[in-house]
């Protein structure tokens, strides 16, 4: 897989495709990959999909773990351009998150502003965990997000 695209021509999309193929080929999980590079699974997946820049040492570790071609680590360390291609995705799992924000977004905003003041939760100074919670009616998906509160400036 190492010589499919010359190193100087690799894009974030190319590296993402190489990562997915290597993950599948090696039988790895995102949790296993994240553990191997000492990062969280949520952040590791997001960076592997091109949505975050990896610190160079983490990019090198991921490239070595997955036997990625020369130049892949440099691409992983580049600042991303975050672009969503659909107004509302059609994938059922992703769509449900849009639905949650559509239904509960105003509630979340109101409660955040009631507790903290006029501001937002950062998605930059941010972390997230996804866990499985046993439940008698069927296991639950627990998504826990924490982000720094950022108050709006008045000037």
N, C-alpha and C. Protein backbone atom coordinates (compact mmCIF):
# COMPACT_ATOMS: atom_id res chain seq x y z
N UNK A 1 0.81 -1.18 0.00
CA UNK A 1 0.00 0.00 0.00
C UNK A 1 0.86 1.26 0.00
N UNK A 2 2.13 1.11 0.26
CA UNK A 2 3.00 2.26 0.48
C UNK A 2 3.23 3.15 -0.74
N UNK A 3 3.14 2.67 -1.96
CA UNK A 3 3.50 3.48 -3.11
C UNK A 3 2.33 3.82 -4.03
N UNK A 4 1.12 3.88 -3.52
CA UNK A 4 -0.04 4.17 -4.36
C UNK A 4 -0.04 5.61 -4.87
N UNK A 5 0.32 6.56 -4.02
CA UNK A 5 0.33 7.99 -4.36
C UNK A 5 1.68 8.54 -3.92
N UNK A 6 2.36 9.31 -4.79
CA UNK A 6 3.62 9.90 -4.35
C UNK A 6 3.42 10.72 -3.07
N UNK A 7 4.37 10.63 -2.14
CA UNK A 7 4.23 11.26 -0.83
C UNK A 7 3.89 12.74 -0.93
N UNK A 8 4.47 13.46 -1.85
CA UNK A 8 4.23 14.90 -1.94
C UNK A 8 2.84 15.23 -2.48
N UNK A 9 2.12 14.23 -2.96
CA UNK A 9 0.78 14.47 -3.52
C UNK A 9 -0.34 13.95 -2.63
N UNK A 10 -0.02 13.38 -1.47
CA UNK A 10 -1.05 12.86 -0.59
C UNK A 10 -1.95 13.98 -0.07
N UNK A 11 -3.24 13.72 -0.05
CA UNK A 11 -4.21 14.65 0.53
C UNK A 11 -4.75 14.05 1.82
N UNK A 12 -5.49 14.84 2.58
CA UNK A 12 -6.13 14.31 3.80
C UNK A 12 -7.09 13.17 3.43
N UNK A 13 -7.79 13.31 2.30
CA UNK A 13 -8.72 12.26 1.86
C UNK A 13 -7.96 10.97 1.54
N UNK A 14 -6.79 11.09 0.88
CA UNK A 14 -5.97 9.91 0.58
C UNK A 14 -5.54 9.21 1.87
N UNK A 15 -5.07 10.00 2.83
CA UNK A 15 -4.58 9.43 4.08
C UNK A 15 -5.73 8.79 4.85
N UNK A 16 -6.90 9.41 4.86
CA UNK A 16 -8.06 8.81 5.50
C UNK A 16 -8.37 7.45 4.89
N UNK A 17 -8.37 7.37 3.56
CA UNK A 17 -8.64 6.09 2.89
C UNK A 17 -7.58 5.05 3.24
N UNK A 18 -6.33 5.46 3.32
CA UNK A 18 -5.25 4.53 3.70
C UNK A 18 -5.41 4.05 5.14
N UNK A 19 -5.82 4.95 6.03
CA UNK A 19 -6.04 4.59 7.43
C UNK A 19 -7.17 3.57 7.55
N UNK A 20 -8.28 3.83 6.88
CA UNK A 20 -9.42 2.91 6.95
C UNK A 20 -9.03 1.54 6.42
N UNK A 21 -8.31 1.51 5.31
CA UNK A 21 -7.89 0.23 4.72
C UNK A 21 -6.93 -0.51 5.66
N UNK A 22 -5.97 0.22 6.25
CA UNK A 22 -5.00 -0.41 7.15
C UNK A 22 -5.68 -0.92 8.42
N UNK A 23 -6.62 -0.15 8.95
CA UNK A 23 -7.37 -0.56 10.14
C UNK A 23 -8.08 -1.88 9.87
N UNK A 24 -8.74 -1.94 8.72
CA UNK A 24 -9.47 -3.15 8.33
C UNK A 24 -8.51 -4.33 8.12
N UNK A 25 -7.44 -4.07 7.39
CA UNK A 25 -6.45 -5.11 7.08
C UNK A 25 -5.82 -5.68 8.35
N UNK A 26 -5.56 -4.83 9.34
CA UNK A 26 -4.89 -5.26 10.57
C UNK A 26 -5.89 -5.72 11.64
N UNK A 27 -7.20 -5.57 11.37
CA UNK A 27 -8.20 -6.00 12.34
C UNK A 27 -8.20 -5.17 13.62
N UNK A 28 -7.91 -3.89 13.51
CA UNK A 28 -7.83 -3.02 14.68
C UNK A 28 -9.16 -2.33 14.95
N UNK A 29 -9.31 -1.84 16.16
CA UNK A 29 -10.45 -1.01 16.55
C UNK A 29 -9.95 0.41 16.77
N UNK A 30 -10.87 1.37 16.76
CA UNK A 30 -10.47 2.75 17.05
C UNK A 30 -9.94 2.87 18.48
N UNK A 31 -10.53 2.11 19.39
CA UNK A 31 -10.02 2.14 20.78
C UNK A 31 -8.59 1.61 20.84
N UNK A 32 -8.32 0.53 20.10
CA UNK A 32 -6.97 -0.04 20.08
C UNK A 32 -5.97 0.90 19.44
N UNK A 33 -6.36 1.54 18.36
CA UNK A 33 -5.47 2.51 17.69
C UNK A 33 -5.19 3.68 18.62
N UNK A 34 -6.24 4.21 19.24
CA UNK A 34 -6.09 5.35 20.15
C UNK A 34 -5.18 4.99 21.33
N UNK A 35 -5.38 3.81 21.88
CA UNK A 35 -4.55 3.37 23.00
C UNK A 35 -3.09 3.28 22.57
N UNK A 36 -2.85 2.78 21.37
CA UNK A 36 -1.48 2.62 20.87
C UNK A 36 -0.76 3.96 20.70
N UNK A 37 -1.51 5.02 20.43
CA UNK A 37 -0.86 6.33 20.27
C UNK A 37 -1.13 7.26 21.46
N UNK A 38 -1.73 6.70 22.52
CA UNK A 38 -1.99 7.42 23.77
C UNK A 38 -2.87 8.66 23.57
N UNK A 39 -3.99 8.46 22.84
CA UNK A 39 -4.97 9.52 22.65
C UNK A 39 -6.36 8.92 22.86
N UNK A 40 -7.39 9.76 22.89
CA UNK A 40 -8.75 9.25 23.06
C UNK A 40 -9.26 8.69 21.73
N UNK A 41 -10.17 7.71 21.78
CA UNK A 41 -10.73 7.16 20.54
C UNK A 41 -11.51 8.19 19.73
N UNK A 42 -12.26 9.06 20.40
CA UNK A 42 -13.05 10.07 19.68
C UNK A 42 -12.13 11.01 18.91
N UNK A 43 -11.12 11.53 19.59
CA UNK A 43 -10.20 12.47 18.94
C UNK A 43 -9.39 11.77 17.85
N UNK A 44 -8.94 10.56 18.11
CA UNK A 44 -8.15 9.81 17.13
C UNK A 44 -8.94 9.59 15.86
N UNK A 45 -10.19 9.17 15.98
CA UNK A 45 -11.01 8.95 14.79
C UNK A 45 -11.22 10.26 14.04
N UNK A 46 -11.55 11.32 14.76
CA UNK A 46 -11.78 12.61 14.12
C UNK A 46 -10.54 13.08 13.36
N UNK A 47 -9.38 12.95 13.96
CA UNK A 47 -8.14 13.35 13.28
C UNK A 47 -7.85 12.44 12.09
N UNK A 48 -8.11 11.16 12.24
CA UNK A 48 -7.89 10.21 11.14
C UNK A 48 -8.82 10.51 9.97
N UNK A 49 -9.98 11.07 10.26
CA UNK A 49 -10.93 11.42 9.20
C UNK A 49 -10.65 12.82 8.62
N UNK A 50 -9.58 13.45 9.10
CA UNK A 50 -9.17 14.73 8.54
C UNK A 50 -9.78 15.95 9.20
N UNK A 51 -10.42 15.78 10.35
CA UNK A 51 -11.11 16.90 10.98
C UNK A 51 -10.31 17.60 12.07
N UNK A 52 -9.14 17.06 12.43
CA UNK A 52 -8.25 17.69 13.40
C UNK A 52 -6.82 17.48 12.93
N UNK A 53 -5.93 18.41 13.31
CA UNK A 53 -4.50 18.25 13.03
C UNK A 53 -3.88 17.45 14.17
N UNK A 54 -3.11 16.44 13.82
CA UNK A 54 -2.44 15.63 14.85
C UNK A 54 -1.10 16.28 15.22
N UNK A 55 -0.74 16.26 16.50
CA UNK A 55 0.62 16.67 16.84
C UNK A 55 1.58 15.76 16.06
N UNK A 56 2.70 16.29 15.58
CA UNK A 56 3.61 15.49 14.76
C UNK A 56 4.01 14.14 15.35
N UNK A 57 4.28 14.07 16.65
CA UNK A 57 4.67 12.79 17.26
C UNK A 57 3.53 11.77 17.19
N UNK A 58 2.29 12.24 17.39
CA UNK A 58 1.13 11.32 17.32
C UNK A 58 0.90 10.88 15.87
N UNK A 59 1.09 11.80 14.93
CA UNK A 59 0.94 11.46 13.52
C UNK A 59 1.98 10.41 13.10
N UNK A 60 3.20 10.58 13.56
CA UNK A 60 4.26 9.60 13.26
C UNK A 60 3.92 8.24 13.88
N UNK A 61 3.41 8.26 15.11
CA UNK A 61 3.05 7.01 15.78
C UNK A 61 1.92 6.29 15.03
N UNK A 62 0.93 7.04 14.58
CA UNK A 62 -0.18 6.44 13.84
C UNK A 62 0.31 5.90 12.49
N UNK A 63 1.14 6.66 11.81
CA UNK A 63 1.67 6.22 10.52
C UNK A 63 2.49 4.94 10.68
N UNK A 64 3.29 4.86 11.75
CA UNK A 64 4.09 3.66 11.98
C UNK A 64 3.20 2.47 12.33
N UNK A 65 2.22 2.68 13.19
CA UNK A 65 1.31 1.62 13.60
C UNK A 65 0.59 1.01 12.40
N UNK A 66 0.17 1.86 11.47
CA UNK A 66 -0.64 1.41 10.34
C UNK A 66 0.16 1.20 9.06
N UNK A 67 1.49 1.34 9.15
CA UNK A 67 2.36 1.18 7.97
C UNK A 67 1.92 2.11 6.83
N UNK A 68 1.67 3.36 7.17
CA UNK A 68 1.25 4.33 6.16
C UNK A 68 2.47 4.79 5.36
N UNK A 69 2.25 5.27 4.14
CA UNK A 69 3.37 5.69 3.30
C UNK A 69 4.07 6.93 3.83
N UNK A 70 5.29 7.13 3.37
CA UNK A 70 6.06 8.32 3.71
C UNK A 70 5.23 9.54 3.32
N UNK A 71 5.21 10.52 4.15
CA UNK A 71 4.44 11.72 3.87
C UNK A 71 3.08 11.73 4.54
N UNK A 72 2.57 10.58 4.93
CA UNK A 72 1.24 10.52 5.55
C UNK A 72 1.22 11.26 6.88
N UNK A 73 2.27 11.10 7.67
CA UNK A 73 2.31 11.76 8.98
C UNK A 73 2.28 13.28 8.82
N UNK A 74 2.98 13.79 7.83
CA UNK A 74 2.98 15.24 7.59
C UNK A 74 1.58 15.72 7.23
N UNK A 75 0.85 14.93 6.45
CA UNK A 75 -0.52 15.29 6.07
C UNK A 75 -1.42 15.27 7.31
N UNK A 76 -1.24 14.27 8.18
CA UNK A 76 -2.05 14.19 9.40
C UNK A 76 -1.80 15.39 10.32
N UNK A 77 -0.61 15.97 10.25
CA UNK A 77 -0.25 17.10 11.10
C UNK A 77 -0.71 18.44 10.52
N UNK A 78 -1.15 18.46 9.26
CA UNK A 78 -1.61 19.70 8.64
C UNK A 78 -2.94 20.16 9.25
N UNK A 79 -3.11 21.48 9.31
CA UNK A 79 -4.39 22.03 9.78
C UNK A 79 -5.49 21.68 8.78
N UNK A 80 -6.63 21.20 9.27
CA UNK A 80 -7.71 20.80 8.36
C UNK A 80 -8.59 21.98 7.94
N UNK A 81 -9.28 21.77 6.85
CA UNK A 81 -10.39 22.62 6.47
C UNK A 81 -11.63 21.80 6.78
N UNK A 82 -12.41 22.25 7.73
CA UNK A 82 -13.56 21.47 8.19
C UNK A 82 -14.77 21.81 7.33
N UNK A 83 -15.18 20.83 6.52
CA UNK A 83 -16.28 21.04 5.59
C UNK A 83 -17.27 19.89 5.73
N UNK A 84 -18.54 20.24 5.84
CA UNK A 84 -19.59 19.24 5.82
C UNK A 84 -20.23 19.32 4.45
N UNK A 85 -20.43 18.18 3.80
CA UNK A 85 -20.91 18.18 2.42
C UNK A 85 -22.43 18.12 2.31
N UNK A 86 -23.13 17.81 3.36
CA UNK A 86 -24.58 17.72 3.31
C UNK A 86 -25.19 18.63 4.36
N UNK A 87 -26.34 19.21 4.04
CA UNK A 87 -27.04 20.03 5.04
C UNK A 87 -27.46 19.14 6.21
N UNK A 88 -28.08 18.01 5.92
CA UNK A 88 -28.43 17.03 6.94
C UNK A 88 -28.05 15.65 6.36
N UNK A 89 -27.08 14.97 6.98
CA UNK A 89 -26.67 13.66 6.47
C UNK A 89 -27.82 12.65 6.49
N UNK A 90 -27.76 11.68 5.61
CA UNK A 90 -28.81 10.67 5.54
C UNK A 90 -28.44 9.41 6.31
N UNK A 91 -27.19 9.26 6.75
CA UNK A 91 -26.82 8.10 7.56
C UNK A 91 -27.65 8.15 8.85
N UNK A 92 -28.38 7.08 9.18
CA UNK A 92 -29.29 7.12 10.33
C UNK A 92 -28.63 7.50 11.66
N UNK A 93 -27.44 7.00 11.92
CA UNK A 93 -26.78 7.32 13.19
C UNK A 93 -26.40 8.80 13.25
N UNK A 94 -25.83 9.31 12.18
CA UNK A 94 -25.44 10.72 12.16
C UNK A 94 -26.68 11.61 12.14
N UNK A 95 -27.68 11.22 11.38
CA UNK A 95 -28.92 12.00 11.31
C UNK A 95 -29.52 12.18 12.71
N UNK A 96 -29.47 11.15 13.53
CA UNK A 96 -30.07 11.23 14.87
C UNK A 96 -29.39 12.31 15.71
N UNK A 97 -28.10 12.52 15.52
CA UNK A 97 -27.43 13.60 16.25
C UNK A 97 -27.94 14.96 15.77
N UNK A 98 -28.19 15.09 14.47
CA UNK A 98 -28.79 16.32 13.96
C UNK A 98 -30.19 16.49 14.56
N UNK A 99 -30.92 15.39 14.65
CA UNK A 99 -32.26 15.44 15.23
C UNK A 99 -32.19 15.87 16.69
N UNK A 100 -31.24 15.34 17.43
CA UNK A 100 -31.07 15.71 18.84
C UNK A 100 -30.81 17.21 18.95
N UNK A 101 -29.90 17.72 18.12
CA UNK A 101 -29.60 19.15 18.17
C UNK A 101 -30.81 19.97 17.73
N UNK A 102 -31.53 19.48 16.72
CA UNK A 102 -32.73 20.20 16.27
C UNK A 102 -33.79 20.28 17.33
N UNK A 103 -33.99 19.18 18.06
CA UNK A 103 -35.03 19.13 19.08
C UNK A 103 -34.55 19.77 20.39
N UNK A 104 -33.32 19.45 20.80
CA UNK A 104 -32.84 19.88 22.11
C UNK A 104 -31.82 21.02 22.06
N UNK A 105 -31.41 21.45 20.87
CA UNK A 105 -30.44 22.54 20.75
C UNK A 105 -30.85 23.80 21.49
N UNK A 106 -32.07 24.28 21.25
CA UNK A 106 -32.50 25.49 21.97
C UNK A 106 -32.54 25.27 23.50
N UNK A 107 -32.89 24.05 23.92
CA UNK A 107 -32.91 23.74 25.35
C UNK A 107 -31.49 23.76 25.92
N UNK A 108 -30.57 23.11 25.21
CA UNK A 108 -29.18 23.10 25.67
C UNK A 108 -28.64 24.53 25.76
N UNK A 109 -28.91 25.34 24.74
CA UNK A 109 -28.46 26.73 24.74
C UNK A 109 -29.04 27.47 25.95
N UNK A 110 -30.33 27.32 26.18
CA UNK A 110 -30.98 28.02 27.28
C UNK A 110 -30.39 27.60 28.62
N UNK A 111 -30.18 26.30 28.80
CA UNK A 111 -29.64 25.82 30.07
C UNK A 111 -28.19 26.24 30.27
N UNK A 112 -27.38 26.20 29.21
CA UNK A 112 -25.99 26.66 29.31
C UNK A 112 -25.96 28.13 29.69
N UNK A 113 -26.79 28.93 29.02
CA UNK A 113 -26.77 30.36 29.29
C UNK A 113 -27.36 30.68 30.66
N UNK A 114 -28.30 29.88 31.12
CA UNK A 114 -28.86 30.08 32.46
C UNK A 114 -27.82 29.80 33.53
N UNK A 115 -27.00 28.76 33.31
CA UNK A 115 -26.00 28.37 34.30
C UNK A 115 -24.70 29.17 34.20
N UNK A 116 -24.33 29.60 32.96
CA UNK A 116 -23.02 30.22 32.76
C UNK A 116 -23.08 31.67 32.33
N UNK A 117 -24.16 32.09 31.71
CA UNK A 117 -24.26 33.43 31.14
C UNK A 117 -24.29 33.35 29.62
N UNK A 118 -24.21 34.50 28.98
CA UNK A 118 -24.29 34.58 27.52
C UNK A 118 -23.00 34.07 26.91
N UNK A 119 -23.03 32.88 26.33
CA UNK A 119 -21.83 32.30 25.75
C UNK A 119 -22.11 30.94 25.16
N UNK A 120 -21.03 30.21 24.90
CA UNK A 120 -21.12 28.92 24.23
C UNK A 120 -20.21 27.89 24.88
N UNK A 121 -20.38 26.64 24.49
CA UNK A 121 -19.46 25.57 24.86
C UNK A 121 -18.47 25.41 23.72
N UNK A 122 -17.20 25.45 24.03
CA UNK A 122 -16.16 25.33 23.01
C UNK A 122 -16.15 23.93 22.40
N UNK A 123 -15.93 23.87 21.11
CA UNK A 123 -15.67 22.60 20.44
C UNK A 123 -14.19 22.52 20.10
N UNK A 124 -13.40 23.49 20.57
CA UNK A 124 -11.95 23.48 20.39
C UNK A 124 -11.30 22.97 21.66
N UNK A 125 -11.62 23.60 22.81
CA UNK A 125 -11.15 23.12 24.10
C UNK A 125 -12.24 22.17 24.59
N UNK A 126 -12.18 20.92 24.14
CA UNK A 126 -13.33 20.01 24.17
C UNK A 126 -12.85 18.57 24.27
N UNK A 127 -13.64 17.73 24.91
CA UNK A 127 -13.40 16.29 24.83
C UNK A 127 -14.73 15.56 24.86
N UNK A 128 -14.68 14.29 24.44
CA UNK A 128 -15.91 13.52 24.34
C UNK A 128 -15.57 12.05 24.55
N UNK A 129 -16.49 11.33 25.17
CA UNK A 129 -16.37 9.88 25.36
C UNK A 129 -17.67 9.22 24.94
N UNK A 130 -17.53 8.03 24.35
CA UNK A 130 -18.69 7.22 23.99
C UNK A 130 -18.55 5.90 24.74
N UNK A 131 -19.56 5.57 25.54
CA UNK A 131 -19.51 4.33 26.31
C UNK A 131 -20.83 3.57 26.16
N UNK A 132 -20.75 2.28 26.44
CA UNK A 132 -21.93 1.40 26.41
C UNK A 132 -22.39 1.21 27.85
N UNK A 133 -23.68 1.42 28.09
CA UNK A 133 -24.25 1.31 29.43
C UNK A 133 -25.32 0.23 29.41
N UNK A 134 -25.12 -0.85 30.17
CA UNK A 134 -26.15 -1.90 30.23
C UNK A 134 -27.46 -1.35 30.78
N UNK A 135 -28.57 -1.82 30.22
CA UNK A 135 -29.89 -1.38 30.66
C UNK A 135 -30.88 -2.51 30.40
N UNK A 136 -31.85 -2.70 31.29
CA UNK A 136 -32.80 -3.82 31.14
C UNK A 136 -33.65 -3.72 29.87
N UNK A 137 -33.85 -2.54 29.33
CA UNK A 137 -34.62 -2.38 28.10
C UNK A 137 -33.75 -2.43 26.85
N UNK A 138 -32.48 -2.68 27.03
CA UNK A 138 -31.52 -2.68 25.91
C UNK A 138 -30.38 -1.72 26.22
N UNK A 139 -29.19 -2.12 25.87
CA UNK A 139 -28.02 -1.29 26.17
C UNK A 139 -28.19 0.13 25.64
N UNK A 140 -27.60 1.07 26.35
CA UNK A 140 -27.68 2.49 26.03
C UNK A 140 -26.34 2.98 25.50
N UNK A 141 -26.41 3.99 24.64
CA UNK A 141 -25.23 4.68 24.16
C UNK A 141 -25.11 5.94 25.01
N UNK A 142 -23.97 6.09 25.67
CA UNK A 142 -23.75 7.29 26.48
C UNK A 142 -22.69 8.14 25.78
N UNK A 143 -23.08 9.35 25.40
CA UNK A 143 -22.17 10.30 24.78
C UNK A 143 -21.98 11.42 25.79
N UNK A 144 -20.77 11.57 26.25
CA UNK A 144 -20.47 12.60 27.24
C UNK A 144 -19.51 13.61 26.62
N UNK A 145 -19.93 14.88 26.59
CA UNK A 145 -19.12 15.94 26.00
C UNK A 145 -18.82 16.98 27.07
N UNK A 146 -17.60 17.46 27.08
CA UNK A 146 -17.24 18.59 27.94
C UNK A 146 -16.46 19.58 27.09
N UNK A 147 -16.84 20.82 27.21
CA UNK A 147 -16.15 21.88 26.49
C UNK A 147 -16.04 23.10 27.38
N UNK A 148 -14.97 23.83 27.20
CA UNK A 148 -14.75 25.04 27.98
C UNK A 148 -15.86 26.04 27.68
N UNK A 149 -16.35 26.70 28.72
CA UNK A 149 -17.34 27.75 28.52
C UNK A 149 -16.62 28.98 27.99
N UNK A 150 -17.18 29.57 26.94
CA UNK A 150 -16.64 30.78 26.36
C UNK A 150 -17.73 31.84 26.37
N UNK A 151 -17.54 32.84 27.19
CA UNK A 151 -18.50 33.94 27.25
C UNK A 151 -18.31 34.89 26.07
N UNK A 152 -19.39 35.45 25.60
CA UNK A 152 -19.30 36.44 24.53
C UNK A 152 -18.72 37.73 25.09
N UNK A 153 -17.88 38.39 24.30
CA UNK A 153 -17.32 39.67 24.69
C UNK A 153 -18.27 40.80 24.32
N UNK A 154 -18.29 41.81 25.12
CA UNK A 154 -19.03 43.03 24.80
C UNK A 154 -17.98 44.10 24.56
N UNK A 155 -17.97 44.72 23.39
CA UNK A 155 -16.96 45.74 23.09
C UNK A 155 -17.51 46.86 22.26
